[in-house]
C-alpha atoms as a PDB file:
ATOM      1  CA  MET A   1     -13.489  -7.044  19.220  1.00  0.00           C
ATOM      2  CA  LYS A   2     -16.164  -8.530  17.380  1.00  0.00           C
ATOM      3  CA  SER A   3     -15.580 -11.667  15.419  1.00  0.00           C
ATOM      4  CA  LYS A   4     -15.203 -11.709  12.018  1.00  0.00           C
ATOM      5  CA  LYS A   5     -18.761 -12.211  10.353  1.00  0.00           C
ATOM      6  CA  THR A   6     -18.517 -15.155   7.776  1.00  0.00           C
ATOM      7  CA  ASN A   7     -19.868 -15.450   5.074  1.00  0.00           C
ATOM      8  CA  SER A   8     -21.420 -12.070   4.877  1.00  0.00           C
ATOM      9  CA  ILE A   9     -22.161  -8.979   2.135  1.00  0.00           C
ATOM     10  CA  LYS A  10     -19.346  -7.940   1.885  1.00  0.00           C
ATOM     11  CA  VAL A  11     -18.615  -3.682   1.700  1.00  0.00           C
ATOM     12  CA  LEU A  12     -15.820  -1.621   0.642  1.00  0.00           C
ATOM     13  CA  ILE A  13     -16.801   2.387   2.386  1.00  0.00           C
ATOM     14  CA  ALA A  14     -15.668   5.492   0.681  1.00  0.00           C
ATOM     15  CA  ASP A  15     -15.934   8.422   2.331  1.00  0.00           C
ATOM     16  CA  ASP A  16     -13.093  11.685   2.955  1.00  0.00           C
ATOM     17  CA  HIS A  17     -14.757  12.174   6.291  1.00  0.00           C
ATOM     18  CA  ASP A  18     -14.275   9.408   8.844  1.00  0.00           C
ATOM     19  CA  ILE A  19     -17.062  10.650  10.907  1.00  0.00           C
ATOM     20  CA  VAL A  20     -19.463   9.054   7.740  1.00  0.00           C
ATOM     21  CA  ARG A  21     -17.615   6.127   7.349  1.00  0.00           C
ATOM     22  CA  GLN A  22     -17.864   5.446  11.607  1.00  0.00           C
ATOM     23  CA  GLY A  23     -21.494   6.151  10.729  1.00  0.00           C
ATOM     24  CA  ILE A  24     -22.395   3.876   8.519  1.00  0.00           C
ATOM     25  CA  ARG A  25     -19.768   1.217  10.442  1.00  0.00           C
ATOM     26  CA  THR A  26     -21.855   1.376  13.056  1.00  0.00           C
ATOM     27  CA  ILE A  27     -25.095   0.352  11.003  1.00  0.00           C
ATOM     28  CA  ILE A  28     -23.335  -2.583   9.117  1.00  0.00           C
ATOM     29  CA  SER A  29     -21.884  -3.747  12.958  1.00  0.00           C
ATOM     30  CA  GLU A  30     -25.273  -4.661  14.265  1.00  0.00           C
ATOM     31  CA  VAL A  31     -26.416  -6.469  11.153  1.00  0.00           C
ATOM     32  CA  SER A  32     -25.968 -10.082  11.373  1.00  0.00           C
ATOM     33  CA  ASP A  33     -24.832 -10.972   7.411  1.00  0.00           C
ATOM     34  CA  MET A  34     -22.653  -8.363   6.435  1.00  0.00           C
ATOM     35  CA  ASN A  35     -19.081  -7.013   7.163  1.00  0.00           C
ATOM     36  CA  VAL A  36     -16.974  -4.056   6.888  1.00  0.00           C
ATOM     37  CA  VAL A  37     -14.112  -5.422   4.753  1.00  0.00           C
ATOM     38  CA  GLY A  38     -12.486  -1.774   3.639  1.00  0.00           C
ATOM     39  CA  GLU A  39     -12.268   1.513   4.076  1.00  0.00           C
ATOM     40  CA  ALA A  40     -10.900   4.459   1.703  1.00  0.00           C
ATOM     41  CA  GLU A  41     -10.804   8.233   1.726  1.00  0.00           C
ATOM     42  CA  ASN A  42     -10.188   8.779  -2.520  1.00  0.00           C
ATOM     43  CA  GLY A  43     -11.292   7.839  -5.573  1.00  0.00           C
ATOM     44  CA  ASN A  44      -7.537   6.812  -6.082  1.00  0.00           C
ATOM     45  CA  GLU A  45      -7.958   4.750  -3.263  1.00  0.00           C
ATOM     46  CA  VAL A  46     -10.817   2.773  -3.795  1.00  0.00           C
ATOM     47  CA  LEU A  47     -10.087   1.798  -8.352  1.00  0.00           C
ATOM     48  CA  LYS A  48      -6.927   0.360  -6.157  1.00  0.00           C
ATOM     49  CA  LYS A  49      -8.802  -1.441  -2.738  1.00  0.00           C
ATOM     50  CA  ILE A  50     -11.417  -3.135  -5.090  1.00  0.00           C
ATOM     51  CA  GLN A  51      -8.628  -4.235  -6.816  1.00  0.00           C
ATOM     52  CA  GLU A  52      -6.904  -5.789  -2.950  1.00  0.00           C
ATOM     53  CA  LEU A  53     -10.256  -6.818  -1.584  1.00  0.00           C
ATOM     54  CA  ASP A  54     -12.987  -9.137  -2.485  1.00  0.00           C
ATOM     55  CA  VAL A  55     -15.708  -7.003  -2.401  1.00  0.00           C
ATOM     56  CA  ASP A  56     -19.577  -7.561  -2.455  1.00  0.00           C
ATOM     57  CA  VAL A  57     -20.618  -3.562  -3.083  1.00  0.00           C
ATOM     58  CA  VAL A  58     -19.616  -0.324  -2.649  1.00  0.00           C
ATOM     59  CA  ILE A  59     -21.257   2.447  -0.605  1.00  0.00           C
ATOM     60  CA  MET A  60     -19.244   6.145  -2.065  1.00  0.00           C
ATOM     61  CA  ASP A  61     -19.671   9.246  -1.019  1.00  0.00           C
ATOM     62  CA  TYR A  62     -19.721  11.894  -4.514  1.00  0.00           C
ATOM     63  CA  ASP A  63     -18.669  14.889  -3.347  1.00  0.00           C
ATOM     64  CA  MET A  64     -14.357  13.179  -2.749  1.00  0.00           C
ATOM     65  CA  PRO A  65     -10.287  14.902  -2.766  1.00  0.00           C
ATOM     66  CA  ASP A  66      -8.723  13.456  -6.103  1.00  0.00           C
ATOM     67  CA  ARG A  67     -11.230  11.983  -7.744  1.00  0.00           C
ATOM     68  CA  ASN A  68     -14.724  12.741  -6.889  1.00  0.00           C
ATOM     69  CA  GLY A  69     -17.487  10.126  -7.229  1.00  0.00           C
ATOM     70  CA  LEU A  70     -19.081  10.616 -11.222  1.00  0.00           C
ATOM     71  CA  ASP A  71     -14.857   9.819 -11.926  1.00  0.00           C
ATOM     72  CA  THR A  72     -14.382   6.926  -9.877  1.00  0.00           C
ATOM     73  CA  LEU A  73     -18.466   5.291 -10.599  1.00  0.00           C
ATOM     74  CA  ILE A  74     -17.060   5.212 -14.278  1.00  0.00           C
ATOM     75  CA  GLU A  75     -13.493   3.856 -13.696  1.00  0.00           C
ATOM     76  CA  LEU A  76     -14.583   1.305 -11.804  1.00  0.00           C
ATOM     77  CA  LYS A  77     -17.616   0.507 -13.253  1.00  0.00           C
ATOM     78  CA  ALA A  78     -15.030  -0.162 -16.106  1.00  0.00           C
ATOM     79  CA  MET A  79     -12.765  -2.079 -14.520  1.00  0.00           C
ATOM     80  CA  ASN A  80     -15.702  -4.355 -12.542  1.00  0.00           C
ATOM     81  CA  PRO A  81     -18.808  -4.574 -14.481  1.00  0.00           C
ATOM     82  CA  LYS A  82     -20.631  -6.429 -12.189  1.00  0.00           C
ATOM     83  CA  LEU A  83     -19.205  -4.722  -9.177  1.00  0.00           C
ATOM     84  CA  PRO A  84     -22.919  -2.440  -7.473  1.00  0.00           C
ATOM     85  CA  VAL A  85     -21.976   0.440  -6.223  1.00  0.00           C
ATOM     86  CA  ILE A  86     -24.170   2.569  -3.962  1.00  0.00           C
ATOM     87  CA  ILE A  87     -24.014   6.542  -4.039  1.00  0.00           C
ATOM     88  CA  LEU A  88     -24.405   8.897  -0.740  1.00  0.00           C
ATOM     89  CA  SER A  89     -24.450  12.558  -1.386  1.00  0.00           C
ATOM     90  CA  MET A  90     -25.813  15.586   0.640  1.00  0.00           C
ATOM     91  CA  PHE A  91     -27.174  16.858  -2.480  1.00  0.00           C
ATOM     92  CA  PRO A  92     -30.353  15.921  -4.099  1.00  0.00           C
ATOM     93  CA  GLU A  93     -31.357  13.144  -5.193  1.00  0.00           C
ATOM     94  CA  ASP A  94     -33.678  14.631  -7.305  1.00  0.00           C
ATOM     95  CA  HIS A  95     -30.891  16.111  -9.143  1.00  0.00           C
ATOM     96  CA  TYR A  96     -28.170  13.999  -9.390  1.00  0.00           C
ATOM     97  CA  GLY A  97     -30.378  10.631  -8.893  1.00  0.00           C
ATOM     98  CA  VAL A  98     -30.969   9.564 -11.867  1.00  0.00           C
ATOM     99  CA  ARG A  99     -27.329  10.788 -13.426  1.00  0.00           C
ATOM    100  CA  PHE A 100     -25.496   8.751 -11.510  1.00  0.00           C
ATOM    101  CA  LEU A 101     -27.916   5.455 -12.047  1.00  0.00           C
ATOM    102  CA  LYS A 102     -27.276   6.271 -15.800  1.00  0.00           C
ATOM    103  CA  ALA A 103     -23.569   5.770 -15.244  1.00  0.00           C
ATOM    104  CA  GLY A 104     -23.668   3.233 -13.785  1.00  0.00           C
ATOM    105  CA  ALA A 105     -24.788   3.678 -10.111  1.00  0.00           C
ATOM    106  CA  SER A 106     -27.174   0.395  -8.715  1.00  0.00           C
ATOM    107  CA  GLY A 107     -28.416   3.333  -5.990  1.00  0.00           C
ATOM    108  CA  TYR A 108     -28.683   6.892  -5.194  1.00  0.00           C
ATOM    109  CA  LEU A 109     -29.147   7.985  -0.879  1.00  0.00           C
ATOM    110  CA  GLY A 110     -28.609  11.686   0.679  1.00  0.00           C
ATOM    111  CA  LYS A 111     -27.280  11.374   3.047  1.00  0.00           C
ATOM    112  CA  SER A 112     -29.919  12.246   5.549  1.00  0.00           C
ATOM    113  CA  ASN A 113     -31.881   8.437   4.597  1.00  0.00           C
ATOM    114  CA  VAL A 114     -28.954   6.213   5.421  1.00  0.00           C
ATOM    115  CA  THR A 115     -29.307   5.664   8.933  1.00  0.00           C
ATOM    116  CA  GLN A 116     -33.462   3.893   7.221  1.00  0.00           C
ATOM    117  CA  GLN A 117     -32.341   3.181   3.870  1.00  0.00           C
ATOM    118  CA  LEU A 118     -28.419   2.067   4.279  1.00  0.00           C
ATOM    119  CA  VAL A 119     -29.367  -2.080   4.680  1.00  0.00           C
ATOM    120  CA  GLU A 120     -32.028  -2.238   2.549  1.00  0.00           C
ATOM    121  CA  ALA A 121     -30.179  -0.891  -0.158  1.00  0.00           C
ATOM    122  CA  ILE A 122     -27.358  -3.147   0.201  1.00  0.00           C
ATOM    123  CA  ARG A 123     -29.486  -6.120  -0.031  1.00  0.00           C
ATOM    124  CA  ARG A 124     -31.446  -5.450  -3.068  1.00  0.00           C
ATOM    125  CA  VAL A 125     -28.134  -4.406  -4.797  1.00  0.00           C
ATOM    126  CA  VAL A 126     -26.508  -7.374  -3.954  1.00  0.00           C
ATOM    127  CA  ASN A 127     -29.387  -9.181  -5.264  1.00  0.00           C
ATOM    128  CA  GLY A 128     -28.660  -7.622  -8.959  1.00  0.00           C
ATOM    129  CA  HIS A 129     -31.863  -5.181  -8.657  1.00  0.00           C
ATOM    130  CA  LYS A 130     -31.335  -1.157  -8.423  1.00  0.00           C
ATOM    131  CA  TYR A 131     -32.267   1.043  -5.677  1.00  0.00           C
ATOM    132  CA  ILE A 132     -34.580   3.888  -5.734  1.00  0.00           C
ATOM    133  CA  SER A 133     -35.540   5.680  -2.734  1.00  0.00           C
ATOM    134  CA  PRO A 134     -38.938   6.808  -2.073  1.00  0.00           C
ATOM    135  CA  ASN A 135     -37.488  10.764  -3.303  1.00  0.00           C
ATOM    136  CA  LEU A 136     -35.995   9.706  -6.055  1.00  0.00           C
ATOM    137  CA  ALA A 137     -39.242   7.281  -7.367  1.00  0.00           C
ATOM    138  CA  ASP A 138     -41.609  10.225  -6.837  1.00  0.00           C
ATOM    139  CA  LYS A 139     -39.215  11.981  -8.698  1.00  0.00           C
ATOM    140  CA  LEU A 140     -38.896   9.876 -11.745  1.00  0.00           C
ATOM    141  CA  VAL A 141     -42.698   9.612 -11.852  1.00  0.00           C
ATOM    142  CA  SER A 142     -43.479  13.101 -11.728  1.00  0.00           C
ATOM    143  CA  GLU A 143     -40.905  13.614 -14.850  1.00  0.00           C
ATOM    144  CA  LEU A 144     -43.215  10.878 -16.799  1.00  0.00           C
ATOM    145  CA  ASN A 145     -46.193  12.368 -16.440  1.00  0.00           C
ATOM    146  CA  LYS A 146     -44.583  16.237 -17.352  1.00  0.00           C
ATOM    147  CA  ASP A 147     -44.283  17.063 -21.053  1.00  0.00           C
ATOM    148  CA  SER A 148     -42.395  20.218 -20.148  1.00  0.00           C
ATOM    149  CA  GLU A 149     -38.586  19.951 -20.654  1.00  0.00           C
ATOM    150  CA  GLY A 150     -36.008  18.853 -17.076  1.00  0.00           C
ATOM    151  CA  PRO A 151     -33.967  21.310 -15.932  1.00  0.00           C
ATOM    152  CA  LEU A 152     -30.898  23.063 -18.501  1.00  0.00           C
ATOM    153  CA  HIS A 153     -28.115  21.298 -16.510  1.00  0.00           C
ATOM    154  CA  GLU A 154     -30.221  18.061 -17.526  1.00  0.00           C
ATOM    155  CA  ASN A 155     -28.749  18.771 -21.013  1.00  0.00           C
ATOM    156  CA  LEU A 156     -24.941  18.118 -20.239  1.00  0.00           C
ATOM    157  CA  THR A 157     -22.795  15.430 -20.670  1.00  0.00           C
ATOM    158  CA  ASP A 158     -21.027  13.390 -17.855  1.00  0.00           C
ATOM    159  CA  ARG A 159     -17.843  15.686 -18.638  1.00  0.00           C
ATOM    160  CA  GLU A 160     -20.101  18.928 -18.725  1.00  0.00           C
ATOM    161  CA  PHE A 161     -21.794  18.042 -16.027  1.00  0.00           C
ATOM    162  CA  GLN A 162     -18.369  17.421 -13.765  1.00  0.00           C
ATOM    163  CA  VAL A 163     -17.208  20.676 -15.237  1.00  0.00           C
ATOM    164  CA  PHE A 164     -20.140  23.074 -14.625  1.00  0.00           C
ATOM    165  CA  HIS A 165     -19.672  21.456 -10.938  1.00  0.00           C
ATOM    166  CA  PHE A 166     -16.318  22.175 -10.475  1.00  0.00           C
ATOM    167  CA  ILE A 167     -17.022  25.555 -11.616  1.00  0.00           C
ATOM    168  CA  ALA A 168     -20.021  26.686  -9.276  1.00  0.00           C
ATOM    169  CA  SER A 169     -18.316  25.146  -7.009  1.00  0.00           C
ATOM    170  CA  GLY A 170     -15.518  27.791  -7.604  1.00  0.00           C
ATOM    171  CA  LYS A 171     -12.435  25.770  -8.621  1.00  0.00           C
ATOM    172  CA  ARG A 172     -10.080  27.695 -11.633  1.00  0.00           C
ATOM    173  CA  LEU A 173      -9.537  25.856 -14.838  1.00  0.00           C
ATOM    174  CA  LYS A 174      -6.373  25.147 -13.963  1.00  0.00           C
ATOM    175  CA  ALA A 175      -7.565  23.089 -11.053  1.00  0.00           C
ATOM    176  CA  ILE A 176     -10.300  21.475 -12.975  1.00  0.00           C
ATOM    177  CA  ALA A 177      -8.126  21.012 -15.186  1.00  0.00           C
ATOM    178  CA  GLU A 178      -5.450  19.264 -12.591  1.00  0.00           C
ATOM    179  CA  GLU A 179      -8.523  17.558 -11.530  1.00  0.00           C
ATOM    180  CA  LEU A 180      -9.669  15.844 -14.017  1.00  0.00           C
ATOM    181  CA  HIS A 181      -6.384  14.992 -16.010  1.00  0.00           C
ATOM    182  CA  LEU A 182      -7.504  17.345 -18.615  1.00  0.00           C
ATOM    183  CA  SER A 183      -5.992  20.348 -20.180  1.00  0.00           C
ATOM    184  CA  ILE A 184      -6.685  23.690 -19.729  1.00  0.00           C
ATOM    185  CA  ASN A 185      -8.182  24.535 -23.450  1.00  0.00           C
ATOM    186  CA  THR A 186     -10.321  21.515 -23.194  1.00  0.00           C
ATOM    187  CA  VAL A 187     -11.129  22.713 -20.135  1.00  0.00           C
ATOM    188  CA  SER A 188     -12.454  25.569 -21.739  1.00  0.00           C
ATOM    189  CA  THR A 189     -13.497  24.258 -24.727  1.00  0.00           C
ATOM    190  CA  TYR A 190     -16.179  21.921 -22.089  1.00  0.00           C
ATOM    191  CA  ARG A 191     -16.844  25.441 -20.140  1.00  0.00           C
ATOM    192  CA  SER A 192     -18.113  27.395 -23.147  1.00  0.00           C
ATOM    193  CA  ARG A 193     -20.762  23.993 -24.449  1.00  0.00           C
ATOM    194  CA  ILE A 194     -22.086  24.090 -20.995  1.00  0.00           C
ATOM    195  CA  LEU A 195     -22.515  27.959 -20.893  1.00  0.00           C
ATOM    196  CA  GLU A 196     -24.585  27.643 -24.560  1.00  0.00           C
ATOM    197  CA  LYS A 197     -26.093  24.292 -23.828  1.00  0.00           C
ATOM    198  CA  MET A 198     -27.759  26.273 -19.871  1.00  0.00           C
ATOM    199  CA  GLU A 199     -28.431  29.641 -21.926  1.00  0.00           C
ATOM    200  CA  MET A 200     -26.187  31.159 -20.084  1.00  0.00           C
ATOM    201  CA  LYS A 201     -23.198  34.141 -20.323  1.00  0.00           C
ATOM    202  CA  ASN A 202     -20.487  33.674 -17.282  1.00  0.00           C
ATOM    203  CA  ASN A 203     -19.051  31.957 -14.024  1.00  0.00           C
ATOM    204  CA  SER A 204     -21.602  33.852 -11.948  1.00  0.00           C
ATOM    205  CA  ASP A 205     -25.167  32.547 -14.145  1.00  0.00           C
ATOM    206  CA  LEU A 206     -23.724  28.739 -13.143  1.00  0.00           C
ATOM    207  CA  ILE A 207     -23.020  29.867  -9.328  1.00  0.00           C
ATOM    208  CA  ARG A 208     -26.157  31.307  -9.315  1.00  0.00           C
ATOM    209  CA  TYR A 209     -28.247  28.614 -11.666  1.00  0.00           C
ATOM    210  CA  ALA A 210     -26.567  25.990  -9.121  1.00  0.00           C
ATOM    211  CA  ILE A 211     -27.130  27.630  -5.900  1.00  0.00           C
ATOM    212  CA  GLU A 212     -31.136  28.672  -7.117  1.00  0.00           C
ATOM    213  CA  ASN A 213     -31.220  24.841  -7.445  1.00  0.00           C
ATOM    214  CA  SER A 214     -29.359  23.547  -4.769  1.00  0.00           C
ATOM    215  CA  LEU A 215     -26.933  21.339  -6.923  1.00  0.00           C
ATOM    216  CA  ILE A 216     -23.699  22.919  -4.694  1.00  0.00           C
ATOM    217  CA  LYS A 217     -23.167  22.986  -0.593  1.00  0.00           C
END
């Protein structure tokens, strides 16, 4: 067993898949000044462990059970505003990256780019900077150069976007209400706002849009 690295960047990994956590551990184990000090399988565990452990950076999956990444990020930043968080996701950076950065994330990485970019991202965020991948940087530049309006889902608030994502993933309103700790009536109100903002008529329209824009797996 390797001895624990001293004076290292202390990393908390949060992902519900052990194989992903193992992959990240392997990457970090090969870096002399980084050390994994804890792991979490869901958002609730993340919030608990950042209070128990001395952590310099959190590497967190977007799509976790019990409490999703966006909800966890918002609460985590309320608890510890200075703690940098890098979001990992299977979802496209151009659809999700900007939203997470606005919510307080220090960086956003597609899981397909973790091996090449994770160490650089960690170093950058612990030094107080944002990490924007080349793909997301290209997207941001492209958006600045466009006169047209962005995609419809970008008009949604963070909470509306969460509800939209759950509906598009096939979850019923009751399950969404339980996940977000809201009443069914409140979730139903969000659904109505989402349909109005996105100029759609029903859940099928939302699901079709999400599939066409690669917003769900």
